Amino acid sequence: MRICTLFFIAFLCSFSTMAQTDWKLKKSEAGIDVYVRNAPGTELLEFKGITVLDCDTETVFNVFRDFGSWTDWSYKLATVDVLKKESPVEFFVYYEVEMPWPMENRDMINHLRMTKNKLTGEGRIIMESIPDYISEKEDKIRLKDGKGSYQLNPTEDGKTEVIYQYFTNPEGVPAWVVNLFITDSPFSTLKGMREEVKKAKYIAVP
């Protein structure tokens, strides 16, 4: 009886894991694939965008370190400010996100960390919302639930596969509205990044 119970628990865990990774292709255009899945405990979707950039992983890191340029290629970012630089690979970053009228803009603070495997060249940029890092602003709605990452995988021909995954609750916007436009952010951001990495100032010097 005990063995049967253990097998049943193992089956449920396995089923739960599969359910959490049940991504569905929502958009495929211009070399960018966007997948979505249900976020646990909410009616909202989270996204995963995938594309290949014509550069190495270090060039991508250089783009991310240039926080002043993020509004040029990131979807709907009005402002980006570094609140604290812990090290060359760890930052606390403030973002203001544009919202259509008559809604108020949203803002958030992300704890951003960069890691790189020196043996494989794989990189990862991890972002996690820290909503109480600074006081809320009167004219903004603070996004309190957000987390995601950029996975950077070197390819054999010297390029970089980027897997951009993120989830956030936009606070006050109906889930069906958010889900209707869920592919816009990853598609626009990856498309913008693909152009940004071509700029000479970011190209990594061997």
Foldseek 3Di string as FASTA:
>chain_A
DVVVVVVVVVVVVVVVVCQVVPWDFDDDPPQKTKTWHADPPDRAIWIKIKGKAPAAPQLLLLVVLPQQCLVVQFAQWPDKDFPDDPDSFWTWMKTWGDDDPPDFIAIWIWTWGKDADPVQRKIKIWIFTDQVPDDDDPRHHYWRGKIWMWIWGADPVRITMIMTIMDTDPPPDDRVVCRVCVVVRSVRNVVSSNVVSVDPVSHDDD
